[in-house]
PDB file of N, CA and C in Angstrom:
ATOM      1  N   UNK A   1     106.638 102.179  90.201  1.00  0.00           N
ATOM      2  CA  UNK A   1     105.551 101.335  89.760  1.00  0.00           C
ATOM      3  C   UNK A   1     104.521 101.254  90.875  1.00  0.00           C
ATOM      4  N   UNK A   2     103.276 101.283  90.478  1.00  0.00           N
ATOM      5  CA  UNK A   2     102.163 101.202  91.427  1.00  0.00           C
ATOM      6  C   UNK A   2     101.391  99.916  91.165  1.00  0.00           C
ATOM      7  N   UNK A   3     101.303  99.064  92.185  1.00  0.00           N
ATOM      8  CA  UNK A   3     100.527  97.832  92.089  1.00  0.00           C
ATOM      9  C   UNK A   3      99.368  97.940  93.062  1.00  0.00           C
ATOM     10  N   UNK A   4      98.194  97.559  92.585  1.00  0.00           N
ATOM     11  CA  UNK A   4      97.017  97.522  93.454  1.00  0.00           C
ATOM     12  C   UNK A   4      96.416  96.126  93.403  1.00  0.00           C
ATOM     13  N   UNK A   5      95.990  95.682  94.569  1.00  0.00           N
ATOM     14  CA  UNK A   5      95.260  94.432  94.683  1.00  0.00           C
ATOM     15  C   UNK A   5      93.804  94.810  94.899  1.00  0.00           C
ATOM     16  N   UNK A   6      92.942  94.375  94.002  1.00  0.00           N
ATOM     17  CA  UNK A   6      91.524  94.657  94.130  1.00  0.00           C
ATOM     18  C   UNK A   6      90.845  93.439  94.740  1.00  0.00           C
ATOM     19  N   UNK A   7      90.149  93.645  95.840  1.00  0.00           N
ATOM     20  CA  UNK A   7      89.449  92.550  96.491  1.00  0.00           C
ATOM     21  C   UNK A   7      88.883  92.980  97.821  1.00  0.00           C
ATOM     22  N   UNK A   8      87.902  92.241  98.273  1.00  0.00           N
ATOM     23  CA  UNK A   8      87.186  92.617  99.489  1.00  0.00           C
ATOM     24  C   UNK A   8      87.798  92.061 100.768  1.00  0.00           C
ATOM     25  N   UNK A   9      88.888  91.311 100.636  1.00  0.00           N
ATOM     26  CA  UNK A   9      89.544  90.775 101.830  1.00  0.00           C
ATOM     27  C   UNK A   9      89.382  89.276 101.970  1.00  0.00           C
ATOM     28  N   UNK A  10      88.941  88.607 100.928  1.00  0.00           N
ATOM     29  CA  UNK A  10      88.781  87.153 100.959  1.00  0.00           C
ATOM     30  C   UNK A  10      90.162  86.490 101.019  1.00  0.00           C
ATOM     31  N   UNK A  11      90.232  85.212 101.355  1.00  0.00           N
ATOM     32  CA  UNK A  11      91.531  84.532 101.419  1.00  0.00           C
ATOM     33  C   UNK A  11      92.326  84.612 100.116  1.00  0.00           C
ATOM     34  N   UNK A  12      91.678  84.524  98.972  1.00  0.00           N
ATOM     35  CA  UNK A  12      92.385  84.618  97.698  1.00  0.00           C
ATOM     36  C   UNK A  12      93.006  85.998  97.531  1.00  0.00           C
ATOM     37  N   UNK A  13      92.284  87.030  97.935  1.00  0.00           N
ATOM     38  CA  UNK A  13      92.795  88.397  97.840  1.00  0.00           C
ATOM     39  C   UNK A  13      94.016  88.573  98.744  1.00  0.00           C
ATOM     40  N   UNK A  14      93.945  88.025  99.926  1.00  0.00           N
ATOM     41  CA  UNK A  14      95.052  88.115 100.873  1.00  0.00           C
ATOM     42  C   UNK A  14      96.271  87.380 100.330  1.00  0.00           C
ATOM     43  N   UNK A  15      96.062  86.202  99.742  1.00  0.00           N
ATOM     44  CA  UNK A  15      97.177  85.431  99.178  1.00  0.00           C
ATOM     45  C   UNK A  15      97.816  86.154  97.999  1.00  0.00           C
ATOM     46  N   UNK A  16      97.003  86.797  97.154  1.00  0.00           N
ATOM     47  CA  UNK A  16      97.552  87.544  96.027  1.00  0.00           C
ATOM     48  C   UNK A  16      98.385  88.723  96.528  1.00  0.00           C
ATOM     49  N   UNK A  17      97.902  89.395  97.551  1.00  0.00           N
ATOM     50  CA  UNK A  17      98.655  90.522  98.107  1.00  0.00           C
ATOM     51  C   UNK A  17     100.000  90.057  98.668  1.00  0.00           C
ATOM     52  N   UNK A  18     100.000  88.950  99.415  1.00  0.00           N
ATOM     53  CA  UNK A  18     101.244  88.425  99.972  1.00  0.00           C
ATOM     54  C   UNK A  18     102.230  88.078  98.868  1.00  0.00           C
ATOM     55  N   UNK A  19     101.749  87.416  97.816  1.00  0.00           N
ATOM     56  CA  UNK A  19     102.617  87.030  96.697  1.00  0.00           C
ATOM     57  C   UNK A  19     103.160  88.268  95.993  1.00  0.00           C
ATOM     58  N   UNK A  20     102.335  89.281  95.825  1.00  0.00           N
ATOM     59  CA  UNK A  20     102.768  90.516  95.159  1.00  0.00           C
ATOM     60  C   UNK A  20     103.837  91.221  95.989  1.00  0.00           C
ATOM     61  N   UNK A  21     103.644  91.268  97.288  1.00  0.00           N
ATOM     62  CA  UNK A  21     104.633  91.917  98.154  1.00  0.00           C
ATOM     63  C   UNK A  21     105.970  91.166  98.114  1.00  0.00           C
ATOM     64  N   UNK A  22     105.907  89.845  98.130  1.00  0.00           N
ATOM     65  CA  UNK A  22     107.128  89.039  98.053  1.00  0.00           C
ATOM     66  C   UNK A  22     107.821  89.251  96.715  1.00  0.00           C
ATOM     67  N   UNK A  23     107.062  89.257  95.640  1.00  0.00           N
ATOM     68  CA  UNK A  23     107.628  89.468  94.304  1.00  0.00           C
ATOM     69  C   UNK A  23     108.276  90.846  94.209  1.00  0.00           C
ATOM     70  N   UNK A  24     107.629  91.854  94.752  1.00  0.00           N
ATOM     71  CA  UNK A  24     108.127  93.230  94.666  1.00  0.00           C
ATOM     72  C   UNK A  24     109.475  93.388  95.365  1.00  0.00           C
ATOM     73  N   UNK A  25     109.710  92.605  96.410  1.00  0.00           N
ATOM     74  CA  UNK A  25     110.962  92.706  97.167  1.00  0.00           C
ATOM     75  C   UNK A  25     112.182  92.317  96.331  1.00  0.00           C
ATOM     76  N   UNK A  26     111.968  91.567  95.257  1.00  0.00           N
ATOM     77  CA  UNK A  26     113.108  91.075  94.478  1.00  0.00           C
ATOM     78  C   UNK A  26     113.590  92.065  93.413  1.00  0.00           C
ATOM     79  N   UNK A  27     112.903  93.193  93.284  1.00  0.00           N
ATOM     80  CA  UNK A  27     113.291  94.177  92.274  1.00  0.00           C
ATOM     81  C   UNK A  27     114.043  95.333  92.912  1.00  0.00           C
ATOM     82  N   UNK A  28     114.915  95.969  92.130  1.00  0.00           N
ATOM     83  CA  UNK A  28     115.714  97.073  92.655  1.00  0.00           C
ATOM     84  C   UNK A  28     115.153  98.436  92.286  1.00  0.00           C
ATOM     85  N   UNK A  29     113.881  98.482  91.927  1.00  0.00           N
ATOM     86  CA  UNK A  29     113.207  99.754  91.706  1.00  0.00           C
ATOM     87  C   UNK A  29     111.991  99.814  92.619  1.00  0.00           C
ATOM     88  N   UNK A  30     111.496 101.023  92.817  1.00  0.00           N
ATOM     89  CA  UNK A  30     110.411 101.223  93.773  1.00  0.00           C
ATOM     90  C   UNK A  30     109.089 100.682  93.245  1.00  0.00           C
ATOM     91  N   UNK A  31     108.474  99.859  94.069  1.00  0.00           N
ATOM     92  CA  UNK A  31     107.147  99.321  93.765  1.00  0.00           C
ATOM     93  C   UNK A  31     106.269  99.587  94.975  1.00  0.00           C
ATOM     94  N   UNK A  32     105.233 100.378  94.785  1.00  0.00           N
ATOM     95  CA  UNK A  32     104.277 100.660  95.847  1.00  0.00           C
ATOM     96  C   UNK A  32     103.090  99.718  95.674  1.00  0.00           C
ATOM     97  N   UNK A  33     102.671  99.115  96.769  1.00  0.00           N
ATOM     98  CA  UNK A  33     101.552  98.181  96.718  1.00  0.00           C
ATOM     99  C   UNK A  33     100.435  98.696  97.604  1.00  0.00           C
ATOM    100  N   UNK A  34      99.245  98.756  97.031  1.00  0.00           N
ATOM    101  CA  UNK A  34      98.075  99.196  97.769  1.00  0.00           C
ATOM    102  C   UNK A  34      96.925  98.237  97.566  1.00  0.00           C
ATOM    103  N   UNK A  35      95.886  98.426  98.357  1.00  0.00           N
ATOM    104  CA  UNK A  35      94.699  97.586  98.253  1.00  0.00           C
ATOM    105  C   UNK A  35      93.491  98.459  97.966  1.00  0.00           C
ATOM    106  N   UNK A  36      92.599  97.924  97.175  1.00  0.00           N
ATOM    107  CA  UNK A  36      91.310  98.562  96.932  1.00  0.00           C
ATOM    108  C   UNK A  36      90.259  97.555  97.365  1.00  0.00           C
ATOM    109  N   UNK A  37      89.480  97.916  98.396  1.00  0.00           N
ATOM    110  CA  UNK A  37      88.508  96.968  98.941  1.00  0.00           C
ATOM    111  C   UNK A  37      87.057  97.389  98.730  1.00  0.00           C
ATOM    112  N   UNK A  38      86.842  98.640  98.370  1.00  0.00           N
ATOM    113  CA  UNK A  38      85.477  99.139  98.181  1.00  0.00           C
ATOM    114  C   UNK A  38      84.921  98.627  96.841  1.00  0.00           C
ATOM    115  N   UNK A  39      83.765  98.019  96.900  1.00  0.00           N
ATOM    116  CA  UNK A  39      83.151  97.425  95.711  1.00  0.00           C
ATOM    117  C   UNK A  39      83.001  98.439  94.581  1.00  0.00           C
ATOM    118  N   UNK A  40      82.556  99.647  94.896  1.00  0.00           N
ATOM    119  CA  UNK A  40      82.356 100.648  93.837  1.00  0.00           C
ATOM    120  C   UNK A  40      83.677 101.032  93.173  1.00  0.00           C
ATOM    121  N   UNK A  41      84.750 101.089  93.944  1.00  0.00           N
ATOM    122  CA  UNK A  41      86.060 101.401  93.368  1.00  0.00           C
ATOM    123  C   UNK A  41      86.574 100.237  92.512  1.00  0.00           C
ATOM    124  N   UNK A  42      86.340  99.019  92.967  1.00  0.00           N
ATOM    125  CA  UNK A  42      86.729  97.839  92.192  1.00  0.00           C
ATOM    126  C   UNK A  42      85.980  97.832  90.857  1.00  0.00           C
ATOM    127  N   UNK A  43      84.713  98.144  90.896  1.00  0.00           N
ATOM    128  CA  UNK A  43      83.909  98.154  89.674  1.00  0.00           C
ATOM    129  C   UNK A  43      84.332  99.274  88.731  1.00  0.00           C
ATOM    130  N   UNK A  44      84.901 100.347  89.274  1.00  0.00           N
ATOM    131  CA  UNK A  44      85.411 101.433  88.426  1.00  0.00           C
ATOM    132  C   UNK A  44      86.521 100.947  87.494  1.00  0.00           C
ATOM    133  N   UNK A  45      87.193  99.875  87.896  1.00  0.00           N
ATOM    134  CA  UNK A  45      88.235  99.285  87.055  1.00  0.00           C
ATOM    135  C   UNK A  45      87.645  98.313  86.027  1.00  0.00           C
ATOM    136  N   UNK A  46      86.344  98.079  86.098  1.00  0.00           N
ATOM    137  CA  UNK A  46      85.707  97.142  85.179  1.00  0.00           C
ATOM    138  C   UNK A  46      85.882  95.696  85.607  1.00  0.00           C
ATOM    139  N   UNK A  47      86.282  95.492  86.841  1.00  0.00           N
ATOM    140  CA  UNK A  47      86.528  94.148  87.358  1.00  0.00           C
ATOM    141  C   UNK A  47      85.251  93.602  87.976  1.00  0.00           C
ATOM    142  N   UNK A  48      84.885  92.399  87.527  1.00  0.00           N
ATOM    143  CA  UNK A  48      83.672  91.766  88.046  1.00  0.00           C
ATOM    144  C   UNK A  48      83.998  90.558  88.931  1.00  0.00           C
ATOM    145  N   UNK A  49      85.245  90.118  88.908  1.00  0.00           N
ATOM    146  CA  UNK A  49      85.654  88.980  89.733  1.00  0.00           C
ATOM    147  C   UNK A  49      86.996  89.309  90.384  1.00  0.00           C
ATOM    148  N   UNK A  50      87.095  89.027  91.662  1.00  0.00           N
ATOM    149  CA  UNK A  50      88.322  89.299  92.405  1.00  0.00           C
ATOM    150  C   UNK A  50      88.978  87.987  92.785  1.00  0.00           C
ATOM    151  N   UNK A  51      90.231  88.014  93.144  1.00  0.00           N
ATOM    152  CA  UNK A  51      91.092  89.183  93.230  1.00  0.00           C
ATOM    153  C   UNK A  51      91.549  89.646  91.858  1.00  0.00           C
ATOM    154  N   UNK A  52      91.940  90.891  91.785  1.00  0.00           N
ATOM    155  CA  UNK A  52      92.479  91.440  90.550  1.00  0.00           C
ATOM    156  C   UNK A  52      93.799  92.136  90.858  1.00  0.00           C
ATOM    157  N   UNK A  53      94.653  92.139  89.861  1.00  0.00           N
ATOM    158  CA  UNK A  53      95.965  92.752  89.974  1.00  0.00           C
ATOM    159  C   UNK A  53      96.030  93.908  88.989  1.00  0.00           C
ATOM    160  N   UNK A  54      96.365  95.090  89.498  1.00  0.00           N
ATOM    161  CA  UNK A  54      96.439  96.294  88.669  1.00  0.00           C
ATOM    162  C   UNK A  54      97.861  96.838  88.757  1.00  0.00           C
ATOM    163  N   UNK A  55      98.451  97.096  87.598  1.00  0.00           N
ATOM    164  CA  UNK A  55      99.785  97.695  87.560  1.00  0.00           C
ATOM    165  C   UNK A  55      99.681  99.012  86.803  1.00  0.00           C
ATOM    166  N   UNK A  56     100.072 100.081  87.492  1.00  0.00           N
ATOM    167  CA  UNK A  56     100.023 101.430  86.921  1.00  0.00           C
ATOM    168  C   UNK A  56      98.665 101.702  86.253  1.00  0.00           C
ATOM    169  N   UNK A  57      97.608 101.408  87.011  1.00  0.00           N
ATOM    170  CA  UNK A  57      96.216 101.669  86.617  1.00  0.00           C
ATOM    171  C   UNK A  57      95.716 100.797  85.464  1.00  0.00           C
ATOM    172  N   UNK A  58      96.446  99.736  85.125  1.00  0.00           N
ATOM    173  CA  UNK A  58      96.015  98.804  84.079  1.00  0.00           C
ATOM    174  C   UNK A  58      95.727  97.454  84.729  1.00  0.00           C
ATOM    175  N   UNK A  59      94.509  96.934  84.531  1.00  0.00           N
ATOM    176  CA  UNK A  59      94.163  95.622  85.066  1.00  0.00           C
ATOM    177  C   UNK A  59      94.933  94.572  84.261  1.00  0.00           C
ATOM    178  N   UNK A  60      95.784  93.820  84.938  1.00  0.00           N
ATOM    179  CA  UNK A  60      96.589  92.810  84.252  1.00  0.00           C
ATOM    180  C   UNK A  60      96.121  91.393  84.560  1.00  0.00           C
ATOM    181  N   UNK A  61      95.255  91.246  85.554  1.00  0.00           N
ATOM    182  CA  UNK A  61      94.744  89.932  85.915  1.00  0.00           C
ATOM    183  C   UNK A  61      93.512  90.079  86.782  1.00  0.00           C
ATOM    184  N   UNK A  62      92.547  89.184  86.575  1.00  0.00           N
ATOM    185  CA  UNK A  62      91.359  89.174  87.430  1.00  0.00           C
ATOM    186  C   UNK A  62      90.921  87.727  87.642  1.00  0.00           C
ATOM    187  N   UNK A  63      90.528  87.428  88.864  1.00  0.00           N
ATOM    188  CA  UNK A  63      90.006  86.114  89.188  1.00  0.00           C
ATOM    189  C   UNK A  63      91.053  85.037  89.395  1.00  0.00           C
ATOM    190  N   UNK A  64      92.319  85.423  89.511  1.00  0.00           N
ATOM    191  CA  UNK A  64      93.392  84.439  89.670  1.00  0.00           C
ATOM    192  C   UNK A  64      94.311  84.828  90.818  1.00  0.00           C
ATOM    193  N   UNK A  65      94.834  83.812  91.483  1.00  0.00           N
ATOM    194  CA  UNK A  65      95.876  84.022  92.472  1.00  0.00           C
ATOM    195  C   UNK A  65      97.163  83.516  91.842  1.00  0.00           C
ATOM    196  N   UNK A  66      98.039  84.428  91.496  1.00  0.00           N
ATOM    197  CA  UNK A  66      99.292  84.081  90.851  1.00  0.00           C
ATOM    198  C   UNK A  66     100.359  83.746  91.886  1.00  0.00           C
ATOM    199  N   UNK A  67     101.319  82.929  91.468  1.00  0.00           N
ATOM    200  CA  UNK A  67     102.471  82.628  92.319  1.00  0.00           C
ATOM    201  C   UNK A  67     103.410  83.831  92.309  1.00  0.00           C
ATOM    202  N   UNK A  68     104.373  83.811  93.198  1.00  0.00           N
ATOM    203  CA  UNK A  68     105.376  84.874  93.257  1.00  0.00           C
ATOM    204  C   UNK A  68     106.099  84.970  91.915  1.00  0.00           C
ATOM    205  N   UNK A  69     106.488  83.833  91.366  1.00  0.00           N
ATOM    206  CA  UNK A  69     107.208  83.826  90.090  1.00  0.00           C
ATOM    207  C   UNK A  69     106.353  84.393  88.961  1.00  0.00           C
ATOM    208  N   UNK A  70     105.082  84.051  88.938  1.00  0.00           N
ATOM    209  CA  UNK A  70     104.182  84.584  87.905  1.00  0.00           C
ATOM    210  C   UNK A  70     104.055  86.099  88.027  1.00  0.00           C
ATOM    211  N   UNK A  71     103.968  86.584  89.256  1.00  0.00           N
ATOM    212  CA  UNK A  71     103.852  88.031  89.466  1.00  0.00           C
ATOM    213  C   UNK A  71     105.135  88.733  89.034  1.00  0.00           C
ATOM    214  N   UNK A  72     106.278  88.131  89.304  1.00  0.00           N
ATOM    215  CA  UNK A  72     107.540  88.716  88.847  1.00  0.00           C
ATOM    216  C   UNK A  72     107.525  88.873  87.326  1.00  0.00           C
ATOM    217  N   UNK A  73     107.063  87.845  86.625  1.00  0.00           N
ATOM    218  CA  UNK A  73     106.981  87.901  85.162  1.00  0.00           C
ATOM    219  C   UNK A  73     106.025  89.007  84.711  1.00  0.00           C
ATOM    220  N   UNK A  74     104.905  89.151  85.396  1.00  0.00           N
ATOM    221  CA  UNK A  74     103.917  90.182  85.062  1.00  0.00           C
ATOM    222  C   UNK A  74     104.529  91.568  85.282  1.00  0.00           C
ATOM    223  N   UNK A  75     105.265  91.734  86.368  1.00  0.00           N
ATOM    224  CA  UNK A  75     105.919  93.021  86.656  1.00  0.00           C
ATOM    225  C   UNK A  75     106.903  93.367  85.551  1.00  0.00           C
ATOM    226  N   UNK A  76     107.740  92.429  85.174  1.00  0.00           N
ATOM    227  CA  UNK A  76     108.736  92.673  84.121  1.00  0.00           C
ATOM    228  C   UNK A  76     108.031  93.029  82.816  1.00  0.00           C
ATOM    229  N   UNK A  77     107.003  92.302  82.492  1.00  0.00           N
ATOM    230  CA  UNK A  77     106.262  92.529  81.246  1.00  0.00           C
ATOM    231  C   UNK A  77     105.594  93.907  81.214  1.00  0.00           C
ATOM    232  N   UNK A  78     105.205  94.418  82.384  1.00  0.00           N
ATOM    233  CA  UNK A  78     104.469  95.680  82.451  1.00  0.00           C
ATOM    234  C   UNK A  78     105.310  96.851  82.956  1.00  0.00           C
ATOM    235  N   UNK A  79     106.613  96.654  83.059  1.00  0.00           N
ATOM    236  CA  UNK A  79     107.485  97.745  83.524  1.00  0.00           C
ATOM    237  C   UNK A  79     107.589  98.795  82.430  1.00  0.00           C
ATOM    238  N   UNK A  80     107.331 100.029  82.796  1.00  0.00           N
ATOM    239  CA  UNK A  80     107.372 101.120  81.819  1.00  0.00           C
ATOM    240  C   UNK A  80     108.775 101.529  81.471  1.00  0.00           C
TER     241      UNK A  80
END
């Protein structure tokens, strides 16, 4: 699974990344987490408000900082 955090490095973006990394540690399958900070790349996803959470190239959330538990639920829901 590939998770991307879209954001320019604001505190909300950093908090979402930390929560995503913590959530990913609780699963027994491989989850790669990356960041996209370039505005043009963020806009390529159709995202107009950050932070955004992308799972396997699908935007699953924008403009929200989810808790670790919420991210775990999102991961389970979007697991292929």
